[in-house]
Amino acid sequence: MGRLTYYLFHNHILNEFNQEYLFLQGHSMGRPSNIVTKLIKKNNPRVMVGGKAIILSKGNYARGI
């Protein structure tokens, strides 16, 4: 959702800094989640992303395979 927030900012749809934006996803899959983003640093825009998570599985990532 961070990329979406920046895309919406870049295209002048979102323009408020230090305001939380709430995105809902996964509801149709039965795995609802709320993701919060916030635009910060007006002179050098950045996006903060947060929310709650539940670990469904664990594993290792192997590089070079």
Protein backbone atom coordinates (compact mmCIF):
# COMPACT_ATOMS: atom_id res chain seq x y z
CA MET A 1 0.00 0.00 0.00
CA GLY A 2 3.01 2.25 0.31
CA ARG A 3 3.46 2.34 -3.45
CA LEU A 4 -0.24 2.99 -3.96
CA THR A 5 -0.13 5.88 -1.49
CA TYR A 6 2.82 7.45 -3.29
CA TYR A 7 1.16 6.89 -6.68
CA LEU A 8 -2.00 8.64 -5.46
CA PHE A 9 0.12 11.49 -4.07
CA HIS A 10 2.14 11.79 -7.28
CA ASN A 11 -1.09 12.01 -9.30
CA HIS A 12 -2.59 14.68 -6.99
CA ILE A 13 -5.29 12.44 -5.52
CA LEU A 14 -3.85 12.41 -1.98
CA ASN A 15 -2.20 15.61 -0.81
CA GLU A 16 -2.40 15.79 2.99
CA PHE A 17 0.78 15.20 4.97
CA ASN A 18 0.82 13.67 8.46
CA GLN A 19 -2.70 12.33 7.94
CA GLU A 20 -3.42 8.61 8.11
CA TYR A 21 -4.97 6.92 5.10
CA LEU A 22 -6.74 3.59 5.68
CA PHE A 23 -6.75 0.83 3.06
CA LEU A 24 -8.87 -2.31 3.38
CA GLN A 25 -7.86 -5.53 1.68
CA GLY A 26 -8.47 -9.26 1.78
CA HIS A 27 -12.12 -9.07 2.83
CA SER A 28 -13.41 -11.13 -0.12
CA MET A 29 -10.82 -13.84 0.68
CA GLY A 30 -11.90 -14.05 4.31
CA ARG A 31 -8.58 -12.57 5.47
CA PRO A 32 -9.49 -8.94 6.13
CA SER A 33 -6.79 -6.46 7.01
CA ASN A 34 -6.55 -2.74 7.55
CA ILE A 35 -3.38 -1.05 6.38
CA VAL A 36 -2.56 2.49 7.46
CA THR A 37 -0.27 4.77 5.47
CA LYS A 38 0.91 8.30 6.08
CA LEU A 39 2.72 10.82 3.87
CA ILE A 40 5.58 12.53 5.71
CA LYS A 41 8.31 15.08 4.89
CA LYS A 42 6.64 17.53 2.54
CA ASN A 43 9.99 18.69 1.06
CA ASN A 44 11.16 15.09 0.46
CA PRO A 45 7.97 12.96 0.47
CA ARG A 46 8.08 9.54 2.14
CA VAL A 47 5.39 7.03 2.99
CA MET A 48 5.05 5.25 6.33
CA VAL A 49 3.10 1.97 6.38
CA GLY A 50 1.62 0.23 9.41
CA GLY A 51 -1.02 -2.14 10.63
CA LYS A 52 -1.46 -5.38 12.51
CA ALA A 53 -0.34 -8.75 11.21
CA ILE A 54 -0.73 -12.41 12.01
CA ILE A 55 2.01 -14.83 10.98
CA LEU A 56 0.45 -17.61 8.91
CA SER A 57 3.64 -19.46 8.03
CA LYS A 58 7.39 -19.23 8.44
CA GLY A 59 10.21 -20.19 6.15
CA ASN A 60 13.63 -19.34 4.83
CA TYR A 61 14.54 -17.49 1.71
CA ALA A 62 17.45 -18.93 -0.24
CA ARG A 63 19.26 -16.76 -2.76
CA GLY A 64 21.08 -18.02 -5.77
CA ILE A 65 19.09 -21.20 -6.31
